[in-house]
C-alpha atoms as a PDB file:
ATOM      1  CA  MET A   1      26.072  59.557  66.789  1.00  0.00           C
ATOM      2  CA  ASN A   2      25.006  56.026  67.490  1.00  0.00           C
ATOM      3  CA  LEU A   3      21.662  56.839  67.353  1.00  0.00           C
ATOM      4  CA  VAL A   4      21.800  58.325  63.611  1.00  0.00           C
ATOM      5  CA  LEU A   5      24.067  55.013  62.704  1.00  0.00           C
ATOM      6  CA  ILE A   6      21.369  52.821  64.245  1.00  0.00           C
ATOM      7  CA  VAL A   7      18.303  54.665  62.275  1.00  0.00           C
ATOM      8  CA  LEU A   8      20.500  54.514  59.255  1.00  0.00           C
ATOM      9  CA  ALA A   9      21.181  50.698  59.216  1.00  0.00           C
ATOM     10  CA  VAL A  10      17.346  50.047  60.148  1.00  0.00           C
ATOM     11  CA  ILE A  11      16.253  52.147  57.142  1.00  0.00           C
ATOM     12  CA  VAL A  12      19.058  50.242  54.736  1.00  0.00           C
ATOM     13  CA  ALA A  13      17.630  47.166  56.166  1.00  0.00           C
ATOM     14  CA  ILE A  14      14.310  48.017  55.326  1.00  0.00           C
ATOM     15  CA  VAL A  15      14.821  49.218  51.559  1.00  0.00           C
ATOM     16  CA  GLY A  16      17.090  46.327  50.988  1.00  0.00           C
ATOM     17  CA  MET A  17      14.228  44.086  52.190  1.00  0.00           C
ATOM     18  CA  ILE A  18      11.817  45.846  50.091  1.00  0.00           C
ATOM     19  CA  ILE A  19      14.113  45.290  46.883  1.00  0.00           C
ATOM     20  CA  LEU A  20      14.297  41.500  47.610  1.00  0.00           C
ATOM     21  CA  ILE A  21      10.679  41.223  48.085  1.00  0.00           C
ATOM     22  CA  TYR A  22       9.972  43.391  45.124  1.00  0.00           C
ATOM     23  CA  ASN A  23      12.669  41.429  42.701  1.00  0.00           C
ATOM     24  CA  GLY A  24      11.033  38.172  43.988  1.00  0.00           C
ATOM     25  CA  LEU A  25       7.671  38.810  43.103  1.00  0.00           C
ATOM     26  CA  VAL A  26       9.019  39.815  39.600  1.00  0.00           C
ATOM     27  CA  MET A  27      10.982  36.817  39.053  1.00  0.00           C
ATOM     28  CA  LYS A  28       7.768  34.667  40.236  1.00  0.00           C
ATOM     29  CA  ARG A  29       5.754  36.662  38.126  1.00  0.00           C
ATOM     30  CA  GLN A  30       7.654  36.323  35.035  1.00  0.00           C
ATOM     31  CA  ARG A  31       8.228  32.202  35.807  1.00  0.00           C
ATOM     32  CA  VAL A  32       3.976  32.497  35.675  1.00  0.00           C
ATOM     33  CA  ASN A  33       3.867  34.333  32.185  1.00  0.00           C
ATOM     34  CA  GLN A  34       6.637  31.592  30.790  1.00  0.00           C
ATOM     35  CA  ALA A  35       4.415  28.704  32.079  1.00  0.00           C
ATOM     36  CA  PHE A  36       1.333  30.308  30.692  1.00  0.00           C
ATOM     37  CA  ALA A  37       3.250  31.001  27.445  1.00  0.00           C
ATOM     38  CA  ASP A  38       4.253  27.004  27.263  1.00  0.00           C
ATOM     39  CA  VAL A  39       0.698  26.257  28.150  1.00  0.00           C
ATOM     40  CA  ASP A  40      -0.392  28.610  25.209  1.00  0.00           C
ATOM     41  CA  VAL A  41       2.004  26.819  22.715  1.00  0.00           C
ATOM     42  CA  GLN A  42       0.601  23.303  23.329  1.00  0.00           C
ATOM     43  CA  LEU A  43      -2.873  24.269  22.983  1.00  0.00           C
ATOM     44  CA  LYS A  44      -2.081  26.022  19.795  1.00  0.00           C
ATOM     45  CA  GLN A  45      -0.499  22.897  18.631  1.00  0.00           C
ATOM     46  CA  ARG A  46      -3.885  20.909  19.625  1.00  0.00           C
ATOM     47  CA  GLN A  47      -5.730  23.453  18.073  1.00  0.00           C
ATOM     48  CA  ASN A  48      -3.733  22.928  14.944  1.00  0.00           C
ATOM     49  CA  LEU A  49      -4.431  19.396  14.881  1.00  0.00           C
ATOM     50  CA  ILE A  50      -8.024  19.334  15.160  1.00  0.00           C
ATOM     51  CA  PRO A  51      -9.036  20.387  11.352  1.00  0.00           C
ATOM     52  CA  ASN A  52      -6.873  17.250  10.149  1.00  0.00           C
ATOM     53  CA  LEU A  53      -8.481  15.100  12.557  1.00  0.00           C
ATOM     54  CA  VAL A  54     -12.128  16.196  11.707  1.00  0.00           C
ATOM     55  CA  GLU A  55     -11.159  16.052   7.893  1.00  0.00           C
ATOM     56  CA  THR A  56      -9.944  12.491   8.529  1.00  0.00           C
ATOM     57  CA  VAL A  57     -12.964  11.228  10.418  1.00  0.00           C
ATOM     58  CA  LYS A  58     -15.594  13.142   8.009  1.00  0.00           C
ATOM     59  CA  GLY A  59     -14.449  11.021   5.019  1.00  0.00           C
ATOM     60  CA  TYR A  60     -15.704   7.837   7.296  1.00  0.00           C
ATOM     61  CA  ALA A  61     -18.885   9.353   8.876  1.00  0.00           C
ATOM     62  CA  LYS A  62     -20.430  11.769   6.466  1.00  0.00           C
ATOM     63  CA  HIS A  63     -23.877  11.781   8.385  1.00  0.00           C
ATOM     64  CA  GLU A  64     -22.145  12.837  11.918  1.00  0.00           C
ATOM     65  CA  GLN A  65     -22.041  16.826  10.933  1.00  0.00           C
ATOM     66  CA  GLU A  66     -23.408  17.642  14.432  1.00  0.00           C
ATOM     67  CA  THR A  67     -20.301  16.379  15.800  1.00  0.00           C
ATOM     68  CA  PHE A  68     -18.087  17.968  13.343  1.00  0.00           C
ATOM     69  CA  GLN A  69     -19.581  21.332  13.956  1.00  0.00           C
ATOM     70  CA  GLN A  70     -19.464  21.137  17.785  1.00  0.00           C
ATOM     71  CA  VAL A  71     -16.142  20.110  17.335  1.00  0.00           C
ATOM     72  CA  ILE A  72     -14.912  23.122  14.836  1.00  0.00           C
ATOM     73  CA  ALA A  73     -17.044  25.524  17.414  1.00  0.00           C
ATOM     74  CA  ALA A  74     -15.167  24.579  20.392  1.00  0.00           C
ATOM     75  CA  ARG A  75     -11.769  24.829  18.754  1.00  0.00           C
ATOM     76  CA  ASN A  76     -12.890  28.536  17.636  1.00  0.00           C
ATOM     77  CA  ALA A  77     -13.988  29.301  21.090  1.00  0.00           C
ATOM     78  CA  ALA A  78     -10.661  28.133  22.414  1.00  0.00           C
ATOM     79  CA  GLN A  79      -8.466  29.876  19.809  1.00  0.00           C
ATOM     80  CA  ALA A  80     -10.387  33.363  20.971  1.00  0.00           C
ATOM     81  CA  ALA A  81     -10.098  32.825  24.676  1.00  0.00           C
ATOM     82  CA  ASN A  82      -7.578  35.131  26.348  1.00  0.00           C
ATOM     83  CA  THR A  83      -7.334  34.763  30.105  1.00  0.00           C
ATOM     84  CA  ALA A  84      -6.515  31.510  31.827  1.00  0.00           C
ATOM     85  CA  GLY A  85      -9.824  30.911  33.003  1.00  0.00           C
ATOM     86  CA  ASP A  86     -11.516  31.557  29.769  1.00  0.00           C
ATOM     87  CA  MET A  87      -8.916  29.156  27.814  1.00  0.00           C
ATOM     88  CA  ALA A  88      -9.396  26.665  30.663  1.00  0.00           C
ATOM     89  CA  ARG A  89     -13.294  26.679  30.044  1.00  0.00           C
ATOM     90  CA  ALA A  90     -13.170  26.301  26.380  1.00  0.00           C
ATOM     91  CA  GLU A  91     -10.221  23.940  26.093  1.00  0.00           C
ATOM     92  CA  GLY A  92     -12.559  21.833  28.632  1.00  0.00           C
ATOM     93  CA  ALA A  93     -15.258  22.153  26.121  1.00  0.00           C
ATOM     94  CA  LEU A  94     -13.129  21.273  23.448  1.00  0.00           C
ATOM     95  CA  THR A  95     -11.869  18.017  25.053  1.00  0.00           C
ATOM     96  CA  GLN A  96     -15.391  17.043  25.700  1.00  0.00           C
ATOM     97  CA  ALA A  97     -16.380  17.431  21.825  1.00  0.00           C
ATOM     98  CA  LEU A  98     -13.098  15.707  20.675  1.00  0.00           C
ATOM     99  CA  GLY A  99     -14.187  12.900  23.400  1.00  0.00           C
ATOM    100  CA  LYS A 100     -17.693  12.687  20.846  1.00  0.00           C
ATOM    101  CA  LEU A 101     -15.075  12.547  17.744  1.00  0.00           C
ATOM    102  CA  PHE A 102     -13.060   9.765  18.944  1.00  0.00           C
ATOM    103  CA  ALA A 103     -16.297   7.925  20.251  1.00  0.00           C
ATOM    104  CA  LEU A 104     -17.361   7.726  16.380  1.00  0.00           C
ATOM    105  CA  ALA A 105     -14.021   5.989  15.412  1.00  0.00           C
ATOM    106  CA  GLU A 106     -15.555   3.090  17.273  1.00  0.00           C
ATOM    107  CA  ALA A 107     -18.417   2.863  14.993  1.00  0.00           C
ATOM    108  CA  TYR A 108     -16.532   2.821  11.970  1.00  0.00           C
ATOM    109  CA  PRO A 109     -13.877  -0.072  11.967  1.00  0.00           C
ATOM    110  CA  ASP A 110     -12.569   1.490   8.566  1.00  0.00           C
ATOM    111  CA  LEU A 111     -11.618   4.650  10.698  1.00  0.00           C
ATOM    112  CA  LYS A 112     -10.206   3.025  13.461  1.00  0.00           C
ATOM    113  CA  ALA A 113      -7.644   1.051  11.227  1.00  0.00           C
ATOM    114  CA  ASN A 114      -6.903   4.305   9.090  1.00  0.00           C
ATOM    115  CA  THR A 115      -2.880   5.102   9.395  1.00  0.00           C
ATOM    116  CA  ASN A 116      -3.783   8.789   9.229  1.00  0.00           C
ATOM    117  CA  PHE A 117      -6.416   8.627  11.725  1.00  0.00           C
ATOM    118  CA  LEU A 118      -4.325   6.408  13.908  1.00  0.00           C
ATOM    119  CA  GLN A 119      -1.226   9.085  13.542  1.00  0.00           C
ATOM    120  CA  LEU A 120      -3.459  11.849  14.441  1.00  0.00           C
ATOM    121  CA  GLN A 121      -4.573  10.157  17.434  1.00  0.00           C
ATOM    122  CA  ASN A 122      -1.328   8.995  18.423  1.00  0.00           C
ATOM    123  CA  GLU A 123      -0.177  13.213  18.001  1.00  0.00           C
ATOM    124  CA  LEU A 124      -3.113  14.178  20.034  1.00  0.00           C
ATOM    125  CA  SER A 125      -2.379  11.731  22.554  1.00  0.00           C
ATOM    126  CA  SER A 126       1.469  13.175  22.940  1.00  0.00           C
ATOM    127  CA  ILE A 127       0.063  16.806  22.734  1.00  0.00           C
ATOM    128  CA  GLU A 128      -2.375  16.161  25.802  1.00  0.00           C
ATOM    129  CA  ASP A 129       0.475  14.685  27.710  1.00  0.00           C
ATOM    130  CA  LYS A 130       2.730  17.538  27.182  1.00  0.00           C
ATOM    131  CA  LEU A 131      -0.383  19.921  27.627  1.00  0.00           C
ATOM    132  CA  ALA A 132      -0.767  17.972  31.201  1.00  0.00           C
ATOM    133  CA  ALA A 133       2.713  18.642  32.261  1.00  0.00           C
ATOM    134  CA  ALA A 134       2.497  22.527  31.136  1.00  0.00           C
ATOM    135  CA  ARG A 135      -0.710  22.900  33.339  1.00  0.00           C
ATOM    136  CA  ARG A 136       0.778  21.630  36.092  1.00  0.00           C
ATOM    137  CA  PHE A 137       3.883  23.788  35.853  1.00  0.00           C
ATOM    138  CA  TYR A 138       1.629  26.750  35.370  1.00  0.00           C
ATOM    139  CA  ASN A 139      -0.564  26.168  38.215  1.00  0.00           C
ATOM    140  CA  SER A 140       2.545  25.400  40.351  1.00  0.00           C
ATOM    141  CA  ALA A 141       4.154  28.787  39.291  1.00  0.00           C
ATOM    142  CA  VAL A 142       0.595  30.759  39.924  1.00  0.00           C
ATOM    143  CA  GLN A 143       0.340  29.279  43.397  1.00  0.00           C
ATOM    144  CA  ASP A 144       4.051  30.279  44.171  1.00  0.00           C
ATOM    145  CA  TYR A 145       3.386  33.498  42.927  1.00  0.00           C
ATOM    146  CA  ASN A 146       0.071  34.245  44.342  1.00  0.00           C
ATOM    147  CA  THR A 147       1.378  32.898  47.943  1.00  0.00           C
ATOM    148  CA  ALA A 148       4.136  35.162  47.801  1.00  0.00           C
ATOM    149  CA  ARG A 149       1.995  38.284  46.905  1.00  0.00           C
ATOM    150  CA  GLU A 150      -0.567  37.375  49.575  1.00  0.00           C
ATOM    151  CA  GLN A 151       2.067  36.429  52.598  1.00  0.00           C
ATOM    152  CA  PHE A 152       3.113  39.216  55.001  1.00  0.00           C
ATOM    153  CA  PRO A 153       5.373  41.561  53.985  1.00  0.00           C
ATOM    154  CA  GLY A 154       5.007  40.488  50.511  1.00  0.00           C
ATOM    155  CA  SER A 155       1.409  41.753  50.374  1.00  0.00           C
ATOM    156  CA  ILE A 156       2.415  45.239  51.389  1.00  0.00           C
ATOM    157  CA  ILE A 157       4.807  45.510  48.501  1.00  0.00           C
ATOM    158  CA  ALA A 158       2.357  43.554  45.787  1.00  0.00           C
ATOM    159  CA  GLY A 159      -0.302  45.836  46.795  1.00  0.00           C
ATOM    160  CA  SER A 160       2.131  49.072  46.513  1.00  0.00           C
ATOM    161  CA  PHE A 161       3.253  47.937  43.252  1.00  0.00           C
ATOM    162  CA  ASN A 162       0.071  46.349  41.812  1.00  0.00           C
ATOM    163  CA  PHE A 163       0.851  42.943  41.412  1.00  0.00           C
ATOM    164  CA  GLU A 164      -2.362  41.286  40.542  1.00  0.00           C
ATOM    165  CA  GLY A 165      -2.933  37.687  41.504  1.00  0.00           C
ATOM    166  CA  ARG A 166      -3.451  34.678  38.721  1.00  0.00           C
ATOM    167  CA  GLU A 167      -5.965  32.465  37.697  1.00  0.00           C
ATOM    168  CA  PHE A 168      -5.275  28.932  38.011  1.00  0.00           C
ATOM    169  CA  PHE A 169      -5.789  26.860  34.902  1.00  0.00           C
ATOM    170  CA  ASP A 170      -8.638  24.589  36.043  1.00  0.00           C
ATOM    171  CA  VAL A 171     -10.428  22.774  33.142  1.00  0.00           C
ATOM    172  CA  GLY A 172     -13.529  22.446  35.177  1.00  0.00           C
ATOM    173  CA  ALA A 173     -15.070  19.045  36.881  1.00  0.00           C
ATOM    174  CA  GLU A 174     -17.007  17.976  33.301  1.00  0.00           C
ATOM    175  CA  SER A 175     -13.851  17.872  31.462  1.00  0.00           C
ATOM    176  CA  ARG A 176     -11.788  16.614  34.369  1.00  0.00           C
ATOM    177  CA  ALA A 177     -13.446  13.197  34.024  1.00  0.00           C
ATOM    178  CA  VAL A 178     -12.664  13.097  30.221  1.00  0.00           C
ATOM    179  CA  LEU A 179      -8.990  14.185  30.999  1.00  0.00           C
ATOM    180  CA  ASP A 180      -8.715  11.622  33.954  1.00  0.00           C
ATOM    181  CA  GLU A 181      -9.141   8.894  31.054  1.00  0.00           C
ATOM    182  CA  PRO A 182      -6.233   8.617  28.893  1.00  0.00           C
ATOM    183  CA  PRO A 183      -7.124   9.025  25.299  1.00  0.00           C
ATOM    184  CA  LYS A 184      -8.091   5.347  24.092  1.00  0.00           C
ATOM    185  CA  VAL A 185      -5.820   3.897  20.904  1.00  0.00           C
ATOM    186  CA  GLY A 186      -7.166   0.821  19.387  1.00  0.00           C
ATOM    187  CA  PHE A 187      -5.574  -1.198  16.931  1.00  0.00           C
END
């Protein structure tokens, strides 16, 4: 009788542990999903601001067509990206293209003084700050989730219930150099 109770208690403890681990993985996966949605919102705001910025610059720098085309192509690629890795690479290319666009402003003093351009530049700077915070939160959530699904005994539960690993939002080495420098706003 005592042996049956002991076996029953062990089974209940194991089932309880499985339920706790499973629910913890679900919670962490949902946190990753929510963090990714936050990043996506910031990226969409950034992408929606770019056409206005390009049009403002076009009025002053009509002969810089190649730069405009690069920015628009990079924006379109960023909008088409679906996974975190693809989005990170596309956003890195977009950041580089925007850097070239802002470099044009240095060559056109009237553009640098344009109120609309300055407002758009300030909005973009604000979005970049929010985007950096959202990326940090997403990467932290991915780290927590991936760690939980790789540690024992979570790895057994994660494998049994198909909890897939998630990619970090890494913008790449080339874009990181651009992102490490805050956008320059001249007055």
